[in-house]
Amino acid sequence: MSELVREESMENLWNMWFTELHRERAGLTLKVSQVLYSEVSDFQRIDVIETEEFGRALVLYGSIMFTERDEFVYHEMISHVPLNVHPQAEEVLIIGGGDGGALREVLRHAGVKRATVVDIDPQVVEVSKRFFPSMANGFADPRARVLHDDGARYVAESDERFDLVLADTSDPVGPAEVLFQQPFYESVYEHLDDDGIFVAQSESPLFHQDSVRGIYANLRAVFPVVHMYLAHVPTYPSALWSFAFCSKRYEPLNDFRPDGIPDNGLRYYNADIHRGAFALPNYVRELLA
């Protein structure tokens, strides 16, 4: 009698995992079903991976920028919080943001007349258009303008003024490091209108405490109004991410205008989230003291 020989343990040997370590002691690990793209641009390594739990993810220099499953949290919070405080934000500047997520959210506001994205790496924009079309759809909007330049240099040399500036940057390493320094914040201040608002992502208050202290010290040296607010982003370090709300005049709670919230498909941001995001845990308050 013949024997059927089959090694079932060999049928599926694909076992690839992506791990992002924080401080080399803790991290996030996701099972990868496919590597869709991997190249090194003139500025950084760019990877697009398909994960089993969070869908596609954009990875820059080994760090997750976003995943399809939770990107809406970050992009809604960096955009709609200031846009629902400023009474008439018509000119918006996005530093970084080459993935198009913040641009998509900004353009939900009909009052925005022009949104300018300044990202140093054109390859990020092209990768987003190719692999994340639902995020990149704002690039086709006639109100959108995309420039490939160093964000700090652009702000320093531009003669334009803006109602709102968003620093949708990667972490303070490599080409993005300059975007966390006081001279950049001073340039932003000079290019805001008299009632302008500036919002920047400001890292994890749990894992990046030294950076957070430095960021807020630099911001407070420039802006009369500086507040931190928080959001839950599952794939970011500690899943608790911070943003800096800075302005020349407006307060994020006293001047909040809930009637301006778009009703076209927001998944995270609402009036209660806006108010609650500025309630900080004690350890974060101590960090900022």
C-alpha atoms as a PDB file:
ATOM      1  CA  MET A   1       0.000   0.000   0.000  1.00  0.00           C
ATOM      2  CA  SER A   2       1.393   3.406  -0.963  1.00  0.00           C
ATOM      3  CA  GLU A   3       1.592   6.214   1.563  1.00  0.00           C
ATOM      4  CA  LEU A   4       0.375   9.735   0.834  1.00  0.00           C
ATOM      5  CA  VAL A   5       3.228  11.999   1.798  1.00  0.00           C
ATOM      6  CA  ARG A   6       2.242  15.539   2.706  1.00  0.00           C
ATOM      7  CA  GLU A   7       3.981  17.833   5.163  1.00  0.00           C
ATOM      8  CA  GLU A   8       1.120  20.038   6.317  1.00  0.00           C
ATOM      9  CA  SER A   9       3.423  22.133   8.466  1.00  0.00           C
ATOM     10  CA  MET A  10       5.068  23.423   5.264  1.00  0.00           C
ATOM     11  CA  GLU A  11       1.910  24.656   3.560  1.00  0.00           C
ATOM     12  CA  ASN A  12       2.147  28.213   4.841  1.00  0.00           C
ATOM     13  CA  LEU A  13       5.530  29.363   6.062  1.00  0.00           C
ATOM     14  CA  TRP A  14       4.945  33.092   5.622  1.00  0.00           C
ATOM     15  CA  ASN A  15       5.559  34.532   9.067  1.00  0.00           C
ATOM     16  CA  MET A  16       6.718  38.112   8.624  1.00  0.00           C
ATOM     17  CA  TRP A  17       6.260  40.636  11.408  1.00  0.00           C
ATOM     18  CA  PHE A  18       6.967  44.360  11.607  1.00  0.00           C
ATOM     19  CA  THR A  19       8.195  45.709  14.938  1.00  0.00           C
ATOM     20  CA  GLU A  20       8.675  49.355  15.843  1.00  0.00           C
ATOM     21  CA  LEU A  21      10.615  49.778  19.059  1.00  0.00           C
ATOM     22  CA  HIS A  22      10.271  52.736  21.401  1.00  0.00           C
ATOM     23  CA  ARG A  23      13.401  53.545  23.405  1.00  0.00           C
ATOM     24  CA  GLU A  24      14.629  50.067  22.415  1.00  0.00           C
ATOM     25  CA  ARG A  25      12.647  48.535  25.279  1.00  0.00           C
ATOM     26  CA  ALA A  26       8.991  48.386  24.174  1.00  0.00           C
ATOM     27  CA  GLY A  27       7.141  48.533  20.924  1.00  0.00           C
ATOM     28  CA  LEU A  28       4.380  47.595  18.526  1.00  0.00           C
ATOM     29  CA  THR A  29       4.425  44.405  16.459  1.00  0.00           C
ATOM     30  CA  LEU A  30       2.115  43.753  13.507  1.00  0.00           C
ATOM     31  CA  LYS A  31       1.879  40.667  11.331  1.00  0.00           C
ATOM     32  CA  VAL A  32       2.638  41.518   7.710  1.00  0.00           C
ATOM     33  CA  SER A  33       0.802  39.756   4.920  1.00  0.00           C
ATOM     34  CA  GLN A  34       2.611  41.532   2.075  1.00  0.00           C
ATOM     35  CA  VAL A  35       5.330  44.089   1.414  1.00  0.00           C
ATOM     36  CA  LEU A  36       3.862  46.365  -1.234  1.00  0.00           C
ATOM     37  CA  TYR A  37       6.630  48.915  -1.659  1.00  0.00           C
ATOM     38  CA  SER A  38      10.149  49.514  -0.379  1.00  0.00           C
ATOM     39  CA  GLU A  39      12.447  52.212  -1.680  1.00  0.00           C
ATOM     40  CA  VAL A  40      14.908  54.802  -0.431  1.00  0.00           C
ATOM     41  CA  SER A  41      14.131  58.324  -1.610  1.00  0.00           C
ATOM     42  CA  ASP A  42      16.558  61.227  -1.585  1.00  0.00           C
ATOM     43  CA  PHE A  43      15.509  61.852   2.024  1.00  0.00           C
ATOM     44  CA  GLN A  44      14.409  58.636   3.726  1.00  0.00           C
ATOM     45  CA  ARG A  45      13.448  55.002   3.450  1.00  0.00           C
ATOM     46  CA  ILE A  46       9.784  54.510   2.474  1.00  0.00           C
ATOM     47  CA  ASP A  47       7.891  51.255   2.969  1.00  0.00           C
ATOM     48  CA  VAL A  48       4.277  50.304   2.442  1.00  0.00           C
ATOM     49  CA  ILE A  49       3.220  47.096   4.160  1.00  0.00           C
ATOM     50  CA  GLU A  50      -0.084  45.230   4.267  1.00  0.00           C
ATOM     51  CA  THR A  51      -0.813  44.186   7.840  1.00  0.00           C
ATOM     52  CA  GLU A  52      -3.422  41.655   8.895  1.00  0.00           C
ATOM     53  CA  GLU A  53      -4.901  43.776  11.686  1.00  0.00           C
ATOM     54  CA  PHE A  54      -4.541  47.400  10.568  1.00  0.00           C
ATOM     55  CA  GLY A  55      -4.551  47.174   6.769  1.00  0.00           C
ATOM     56  CA  ARG A  56      -1.964  49.058   4.786  1.00  0.00           C
ATOM     57  CA  ALA A  57       0.623  51.105   6.647  1.00  0.00           C
ATOM     58  CA  LEU A  58       3.046  53.793   5.550  1.00  0.00           C
ATOM     59  CA  VAL A  59       6.416  53.385   7.240  1.00  0.00           C
ATOM     60  CA  LEU A  60       9.104  56.077   7.041  1.00  0.00           C
ATOM     61  CA  TYR A  61      12.638  55.438   8.360  1.00  0.00           C
ATOM     62  CA  GLY A  62      11.242  52.364  10.149  1.00  0.00           C
ATOM     63  CA  SER A  63       8.468  54.254  11.959  1.00  0.00           C
ATOM     64  CA  ILE A  64       4.745  53.892  11.288  1.00  0.00           C
ATOM     65  CA  MET A  65       3.283  57.150  10.013  1.00  0.00           C
ATOM     66  CA  PHE A  66      -0.242  55.800   9.791  1.00  0.00           C
ATOM     67  CA  THR A  67      -2.315  52.725   9.085  1.00  0.00           C
ATOM     68  CA  GLU A  68      -5.554  52.508   7.159  1.00  0.00           C
ATOM     69  CA  ARG A  69      -7.449  51.412  10.232  1.00  0.00           C
ATOM     70  CA  ASP A  70      -6.626  54.313  12.549  1.00  0.00           C
ATOM     71  CA  GLU A  71      -5.273  57.172  10.405  1.00  0.00           C
ATOM     72  CA  PHE A  72      -8.548  59.083  10.670  1.00  0.00           C
ATOM     73  CA  VAL A  73      -7.932  59.824  14.355  1.00  0.00           C
ATOM     74  CA  TYR A  74      -4.696  61.716  13.851  1.00  0.00           C
ATOM     75  CA  HIS A  75      -5.751  63.537  10.702  1.00  0.00           C
ATOM     76  CA  GLU A  76      -9.124  64.636  12.043  1.00  0.00           C
ATOM     77  CA  MET A  77      -7.611  65.876  15.295  1.00  0.00           C
ATOM     78  CA  ILE A  78      -4.754  67.863  13.804  1.00  0.00           C
ATOM     79  CA  SER A  79      -7.159  69.586  11.400  1.00  0.00           C
ATOM     80  CA  HIS A  80     -10.635  70.067  12.841  1.00  0.00           C
ATOM     81  CA  VAL A  81      -9.643  71.302  16.294  1.00  0.00           C
ATOM     82  CA  PRO A  82      -8.131  74.565  14.980  1.00  0.00           C
ATOM     83  CA  LEU A  83     -10.565  74.882  12.068  1.00  0.00           C
ATOM     84  CA  ASN A  84     -13.467  74.938  14.520  1.00  0.00           C
ATOM     85  CA  VAL A  85     -11.831  77.623  16.634  1.00  0.00           C
ATOM     86  CA  HIS A  86     -10.741  80.070  13.942  1.00  0.00           C
ATOM     87  CA  PRO A  87     -13.837  81.945  12.726  1.00  0.00           C
ATOM     88  CA  GLN A  88     -12.747  82.186   9.089  1.00  0.00           C
ATOM     89  CA  ALA A  89      -9.695  80.166   8.081  1.00  0.00           C
ATOM     90  CA  GLU A  90      -9.341  80.733   4.337  1.00  0.00           C
ATOM     91  CA  GLU A  91      -5.592  80.272   3.804  1.00  0.00           C
ATOM     92  CA  VAL A  92      -4.146  77.101   5.306  1.00  0.00           C
ATOM     93  CA  LEU A  93      -0.538  75.907   5.208  1.00  0.00           C
ATOM     94  CA  ILE A  94       0.357  72.271   5.922  1.00  0.00           C
ATOM     95  CA  ILE A  95       4.035  71.615   6.602  1.00  0.00           C
ATOM     96  CA  GLY A  96       4.730  67.956   5.863  1.00  0.00           C
ATOM     97  CA  GLY A  97       1.515  66.101   5.234  1.00  0.00           C
ATOM     98  CA  GLY A  98       2.653  64.531   1.990  1.00  0.00           C
ATOM     99  CA  ASP A  99       0.333  61.586   2.602  1.00  0.00           C
ATOM    100  CA  GLY A 100      -2.668  63.885   2.044  1.00  0.00           C
ATOM    101  CA  GLY A 101      -4.567  62.949   5.210  1.00  0.00           C
ATOM    102  CA  ALA A 102      -4.550  66.390   6.816  1.00  0.00           C
ATOM    103  CA  LEU A 103      -5.289  67.986   3.445  1.00  0.00           C
ATOM    104  CA  ARG A 104      -8.346  65.761   3.043  1.00  0.00           C
ATOM    105  CA  GLU A 105      -9.683  66.915   6.398  1.00  0.00           C
ATOM    106  CA  VAL A 106      -8.900  70.609   5.859  1.00  0.00           C
ATOM    107  CA  LEU A 107     -10.784  70.588   2.567  1.00  0.00           C
ATOM    108  CA  ARG A 108     -13.946  69.340   4.283  1.00  0.00           C
ATOM    109  CA  HIS A 109     -14.368  72.974   5.350  1.00  0.00           C
ATOM    110  CA  ALA A 110     -16.032  74.909   2.557  1.00  0.00           C
ATOM    111  CA  GLY A 111     -14.636  78.204   3.840  1.00  0.00           C
ATOM    112  CA  VAL A 112     -11.060  77.178   3.060  1.00  0.00           C
ATOM    113  CA  LYS A 113     -10.073  78.903  -0.174  1.00  0.00           C
ATOM    114  CA  ARG A 114      -6.580  77.448  -0.510  1.00  0.00           C
ATOM    115  CA  ALA A 115      -4.626  74.729   1.266  1.00  0.00           C
ATOM    116  CA  THR A 116      -0.903  74.596   0.567  1.00  0.00           C
ATOM    117  CA  VAL A 117       1.062  71.430   1.335  1.00  0.00           C
ATOM    118  CA  VAL A 118       4.833  71.810   1.636  1.00  0.00           C
ATOM    119  CA  ASP A 119       6.550  68.428   1.852  1.00  0.00           C
ATOM    120  CA  ILE A 120      10.241  67.961   1.197  1.00  0.00           C
ATOM    121  CA  ASP A 121       9.855  64.475  -0.295  1.00  0.00           C
ATOM    122  CA  PRO A 122       7.843  64.177  -3.545  1.00  0.00           C
ATOM    123  CA  GLN A 123       8.072  60.403  -3.325  1.00  0.00           C
ATOM    124  CA  VAL A 124       5.812  60.385  -0.242  1.00  0.00           C
ATOM    125  CA  VAL A 125       3.084  62.146  -2.221  1.00  0.00           C
ATOM    126  CA  GLU A 126       3.377  59.705  -5.119  1.00  0.00           C
ATOM    127  CA  VAL A 127       3.356  56.684  -2.818  1.00  0.00           C
ATOM    128  CA  SER A 128       0.238  57.967  -1.082  1.00  0.00           C
ATOM    129  CA  LYS A 129      -1.553  58.521  -4.384  1.00  0.00           C
ATOM    130  CA  ARG A 130      -0.655  55.005  -5.486  1.00  0.00           C
ATOM    131  CA  PHE A 131      -1.314  53.014  -2.324  1.00  0.00           C
ATOM    132  CA  PHE A 132      -3.677  55.228  -0.271  1.00  0.00           C
ATOM    133  CA  PRO A 133      -6.002  56.872  -2.803  1.00  0.00           C
ATOM    134  CA  SER A 134      -8.771  57.554  -0.292  1.00  0.00           C
ATOM    135  CA  MET A 135      -6.340  59.653   1.727  1.00  0.00           C
ATOM    136  CA  ALA A 136      -4.769  61.343  -1.265  1.00  0.00           C
ATOM    137  CA  ASN A 137      -7.992  62.424  -2.974  1.00  0.00           C
ATOM    138  CA  GLY A 138      -7.541  65.996  -1.744  1.00  0.00           C
ATOM    139  CA  PHE A 139      -4.602  66.529  -4.079  1.00  0.00           C
ATOM    140  CA  ALA A 140      -7.071  66.697  -6.971  1.00  0.00           C
ATOM    141  CA  ASP A 141      -9.098  69.483  -5.340  1.00  0.00           C
ATOM    142  CA  PRO A 142      -8.594  72.829  -7.137  1.00  0.00           C
ATOM    143  CA  ARG A 143      -8.073  74.508  -3.769  1.00  0.00           C
ATOM    144  CA  ALA A 144      -4.995  72.350  -3.082  1.00  0.00           C
ATOM    145  CA  ARG A 145      -1.451  73.404  -3.892  1.00  0.00           C
ATOM    146  CA  VAL A 146       1.548  71.099  -3.390  1.00  0.00           C
ATOM    147  CA  LEU A 147       5.116  72.351  -3.131  1.00  0.00           C
ATOM    148  CA  HIS A 148       8.207  70.211  -2.608  1.00  0.00           C
ATOM    149  CA  ASP A 149      10.550  72.199  -0.431  1.00  0.00           C
ATOM    150  CA  ASP A 150      12.124  72.220   2.997  1.00  0.00           C
ATOM    151  CA  GLY A 151       9.292  73.357   5.266  1.00  0.00           C
ATOM    152  CA  ALA A 152      11.443  75.528   7.507  1.00  0.00           C
ATOM    153  CA  ARG A 153      13.098  77.245   4.552  1.00  0.00           C
ATOM    154  CA  TYR A 154       9.761  77.804   2.830  1.00  0.00           C
ATOM    155  CA  VAL A 155       8.237  79.490   5.849  1.00  0.00           C
ATOM    156  CA  ALA A 156      11.343  81.592   6.478  1.00  0.00           C
ATOM    157  CA  GLU A 157      11.544  82.829   2.888  1.00  0.00           C
ATOM    158  CA  SER A 158       7.869  83.087   1.945  1.00  0.00           C
ATOM    159  CA  ASP A 159       6.080  86.432   1.902  1.00  0.00           C
ATOM    160  CA  GLU A 160       2.664  84.780   2.277  1.00  0.00           C
ATOM    161  CA  ARG A 161       0.494  84.953   5.365  1.00  0.00           C
ATOM    162  CA  PHE A 162      -1.874  82.287   6.613  1.00  0.00           C
ATOM    163  CA  ASP A 163      -4.869  81.935   8.888  1.00  0.00           C
ATOM    164  CA  LEU A 164      -3.827  78.465   9.967  1.00  0.00           C
ATOM    165  CA  VAL A 165      -0.549  76.547   9.842  1.00  0.00           C
ATOM    166  CA  LEU A 166      -0.402  72.817  10.578  1.00  0.00           C
ATOM    167  CA  ALA A 167       2.913  71.076  11.266  1.00  0.00           C
ATOM    168  CA  ASP A 168       1.981  67.556  10.178  1.00  0.00           C
ATOM    169  CA  THR A 169       5.512  66.313  10.557  1.00  0.00           C
ATOM    170  CA  SER A 170       7.295  63.084  11.284  1.00  0.00           C
ATOM    171  CA  ASP A 171       9.360  62.792  14.464  1.00  0.00           C
ATOM    172  CA  PRO A 172      12.205  65.192  15.360  1.00  0.00           C
ATOM    173  CA  VAL A 173      14.889  63.228  13.538  1.00  0.00           C
ATOM    174  CA  GLY A 174      16.451  63.669  10.112  1.00  0.00           C
ATOM    175  CA  PRO A 175      14.913  66.296   7.825  1.00  0.00           C
ATOM    176  CA  ALA A 176      12.023  66.958  10.245  1.00  0.00           C
ATOM    177  CA  GLU A 177      14.203  67.874  13.231  1.00  0.00           C
ATOM    178  CA  VAL A 178      14.389  71.542  12.258  1.00  0.00           C
ATOM    179  CA  LEU A 179      10.582  71.765  12.434  1.00  0.00           C
ATOM    180  CA  PHE A 180      10.636  71.384  16.226  1.00  0.00           C
ATOM    181  CA  GLN A 181      13.063  74.215  16.954  1.00  0.00           C
ATOM    182  CA  GLN A 182      12.280  77.736  18.148  1.00  0.00           C
ATOM    183  CA  PRO A 183      13.497  79.511  14.960  1.00  0.00           C
ATOM    184  CA  PHE A 184      10.905  77.574  12.942  1.00  0.00           C
ATOM    185  CA  TYR A 185       8.152  78.493  15.395  1.00  0.00           C
ATOM    186  CA  GLU A 186       9.228  82.134  15.166  1.00  0.00           C
ATOM    187  CA  SER A 187       8.968  82.001  11.375  1.00  0.00           C
ATOM    188  CA  VAL A 188       5.503  80.471  11.616  1.00  0.00           C
ATOM    189  CA  TYR A 189       4.413  83.226  14.010  1.00  0.00           C
ATOM    190  CA  GLU A 190       5.586  85.910  11.594  1.00  0.00           C
ATOM    191  CA  HIS A 191       3.618  84.364   8.729  1.00  0.00           C
ATOM    192  CA  LEU A 192       0.350  84.002  10.611  1.00  0.00           C
ATOM    193  CA  ASP A 193      -2.306  86.666  10.343  1.00  0.00           C
ATOM    194  CA  ASP A 194      -3.029  88.663  13.486  1.00  0.00           C
ATOM    195  CA  ASP A 195      -5.605  86.089  14.583  1.00  0.00           C
ATOM    196  CA  GLY A 196      -3.738  83.069  13.210  1.00  0.00           C
ATOM    197  CA  ILE A 197      -3.517  79.595  14.734  1.00  0.00           C
ATOM    198  CA  PHE A 198      -0.677  77.084  14.628  1.00  0.00           C
ATOM    199  CA  VAL A 199      -1.093  73.384  15.454  1.00  0.00           C
ATOM    200  CA  ALA A 200       1.733  70.845  15.564  1.00  0.00           C
ATOM    201  CA  GLN A 201       1.927  67.190  16.417  1.00  0.00           C
ATOM    202  CA  SER A 202       3.948  67.057  19.632  1.00  0.00           C
ATOM    203  CA  GLU A 203       4.866  63.409  20.199  1.00  0.00           C
ATOM    204  CA  SER A 204       3.986  60.939  22.973  1.00  0.00           C
ATOM    205  CA  PRO A 205       3.849  62.410  26.492  1.00  0.00           C
ATOM    206  CA  LEU A 206       4.755  58.974  27.851  1.00  0.00           C
ATOM    207  CA  PHE A 207       7.639  57.848  25.631  1.00  0.00           C
ATOM    208  CA  HIS A 208       9.034  61.180  24.419  1.00  0.00           C
ATOM    209  CA  GLN A 209       9.023  63.303  27.570  1.00  0.00           C
ATOM    210  CA  ASP A 210      12.284  65.151  26.924  1.00  0.00           C
ATOM    211  CA  SER A 211      11.152  66.070  23.420  1.00  0.00           C
ATOM    212  CA  VAL A 212       7.748  67.180  24.707  1.00  0.00           C
ATOM    213  CA  ARG A 213       9.335  69.454  27.311  1.00  0.00           C
ATOM    214  CA  GLY A 214      11.556  71.003  24.660  1.00  0.00           C
ATOM    215  CA  ILE A 215       8.728  71.464  22.172  1.00  0.00           C
ATOM    216  CA  TYR A 216       6.510  73.304  24.639  1.00  0.00           C
ATOM    217  CA  ALA A 217       9.350  75.425  25.986  1.00  0.00           C
ATOM    218  CA  ASN A 218      10.098  76.552  22.432  1.00  0.00           C
ATOM    219  CA  LEU A 219       6.438  77.214  21.667  1.00  0.00           C
ATOM    220  CA  ARG A 220       5.826  79.196  24.853  1.00  0.00           C
ATOM    221  CA  ALA A 221       8.766  81.417  24.000  1.00  0.00           C
ATOM    222  CA  VAL A 222       6.936  82.448  20.832  1.00  0.00           C
ATOM    223  CA  PHE A 223       3.144  82.177  21.212  1.00  0.00           C
ATOM    224  CA  PRO A 224       0.959  83.858  23.870  1.00  0.00           C
ATOM    225  CA  VAL A 225      -1.522  80.962  23.789  1.00  0.00           C
ATOM    226  CA  VAL A 226      -0.182  77.381  24.003  1.00  0.00           C
ATOM    227  CA  HIS A 227      -2.223  74.331  25.011  1.00  0.00           C
ATOM    228  CA  MET A 228      -1.729  70.583  24.619  1.00  0.00           C
ATOM    229  CA  TYR A 229      -4.535  68.302  23.538  1.00  0.00           C
ATOM    230  CA  LEU A 230      -4.622  64.525  23.194  1.00  0.00           C
ATOM    231  CA  ALA A 231      -5.988  61.779  20.977  1.00  0.00           C
ATOM    232  CA  HIS A 232      -6.041  57.993  21.045  1.00  0.00           C
ATOM    233  CA  VAL A 233      -4.046  56.612  18.100  1.00  0.00           C
ATOM    234  CA  PRO A 234      -3.630  52.833  18.611  1.00  0.00           C
ATOM    235  CA  THR A 235      -0.520  52.375  16.451  1.00  0.00           C
ATOM    236  CA  TYR A 236       1.435  55.338  17.849  1.00  0.00           C
ATOM    237  CA  PRO A 237       3.816  54.985  20.815  1.00  0.00           C
ATOM    238  CA  SER A 238       1.725  54.515  23.999  1.00  0.00           C
ATOM    239  CA  ALA A 239      -1.433  55.006  21.854  1.00  0.00           C
ATOM    240  CA  LEU A 240      -1.755  58.462  23.422  1.00  0.00           C
ATOM    241  CA  TRP A 241      -0.623  61.219  21.095  1.00  0.00           C
ATOM    242  CA  SER A 242      -0.334  64.927  21.708  1.00  0.00           C
ATOM    243  CA  PHE A 243      -0.879  68.063  19.680  1.00  0.00           C
ATOM    244  CA  ALA A 244       0.088  71.652  20.436  1.00  0.00           C
ATOM    245  CA  PHE A 245      -2.581  74.319  19.911  1.00  0.00           C
ATOM    246  CA  CYS A 246      -0.920  77.728  19.593  1.00  0.00           C
ATOM    247  CA  SER A 247      -2.419  81.046  18.633  1.00  0.00           C
ATOM    248  CA  LYS A 248      -2.018  84.772  18.748  1.00  0.00           C
ATOM    249  CA  ARG A 249      -5.518  85.340  20.096  1.00  0.00           C
ATOM    250  CA  TYR A 250      -7.974  82.471  20.207  1.00  0.00           C
ATOM    251  CA  GLU A 251      -8.466  80.041  23.079  1.00  0.00           C
ATOM    252  CA  PRO A 252      -9.376  76.482  22.024  1.00  0.00           C
ATOM    253  CA  LEU A 253     -12.307  76.140  24.444  1.00  0.00           C
ATOM    254  CA  ASN A 254     -13.602  79.669  24.944  1.00  0.00           C
ATOM    255  CA  ASP A 255     -13.579  80.343  21.193  1.00  0.00           C
ATOM    256  CA  PHE A 256     -14.735  76.888  20.083  1.00  0.00           C
ATOM    257  CA  ARG A 257     -17.480  77.010  17.430  1.00  0.00           C
ATOM    258  CA  PRO A 258     -19.217  73.608  17.357  1.00  0.00           C
ATOM    259  CA  ASP A 259     -21.662  74.752  14.680  1.00  0.00           C
ATOM    260  CA  GLY A 260     -18.795  74.700  12.178  1.00  0.00           C
ATOM    261  CA  ILE A 261     -18.081  70.978  12.502  1.00  0.00           C
ATOM    262  CA  PRO A 262     -18.499  69.294   9.099  1.00  0.00           C
ATOM    263  CA  ASP A 263     -21.245  66.699   8.911  1.00  0.00           C
ATOM    264  CA  ASN A 264     -19.649  64.724   6.082  1.00  0.00           C
ATOM    265  CA  GLY A 265     -18.194  61.552   7.466  1.00  0.00           C
ATOM    266  CA  LEU A 266     -16.062  62.323  10.508  1.00  0.00           C
ATOM    267  CA  ARG A 267     -15.277  59.160  12.461  1.00  0.00           C
ATOM    268  CA  TYR A 268     -13.501  60.464  15.583  1.00  0.00           C
ATOM    269  CA  TYR A 269     -13.849  64.207  16.058  1.00  0.00           C
ATOM    270  CA  ASN A 270     -16.983  65.773  17.514  1.00  0.00           C
ATOM    271  CA  ALA A 271     -17.832  68.573  19.940  1.00  0.00           C
ATOM    272  CA  ASP A 272     -17.408  66.413  23.043  1.00  0.00           C
ATOM    273  CA  ILE A 273     -14.054  65.090  21.815  1.00  0.00           C
ATOM    274  CA  HIS A 274     -12.905  68.676  21.145  1.00  0.00           C
ATOM    275  CA  ARG A 275     -13.664  69.744  24.701  1.00  0.00           C
ATOM    276  CA  GLY A 276     -12.402  66.555  26.326  1.00  0.00           C
ATOM    277  CA  ALA A 277      -9.134  66.471  24.380  1.00  0.00           C
ATOM    278  CA  PHE A 278      -7.821  69.414  26.417  1.00  0.00           C
ATOM    279  CA  ALA A 279      -8.381  67.608  29.737  1.00  0.00           C
ATOM    280  CA  LEU A 280      -4.896  66.351  30.600  1.00  0.00           C
ATOM    281  CA  PRO A 281      -3.899  63.571  33.001  1.00  0.00           C
ATOM    282  CA  ASN A 282      -1.897  64.672  36.032  1.00  0.00           C
ATOM    283  CA  TYR A 283       1.372  63.201  34.768  1.00  0.00           C
ATOM    284  CA  VAL A 284       1.023  65.214  31.554  1.00  0.00           C
ATOM    285  CA  ARG A 285       0.266  68.392  33.489  1.00  0.00           C
ATOM    286  CA  GLU A 286       3.400  67.816  35.526  1.00  0.00           C
ATOM    287  CA  LEU A 287       5.379  67.275  32.337  1.00  0.00           C
ATOM    288  CA  LEU A 288       4.282  70.680  31.038  1.00  0.00           C
ATOM    289  CA  ALA A 289       4.634  72.557  34.317  1.00  0.00           C
END
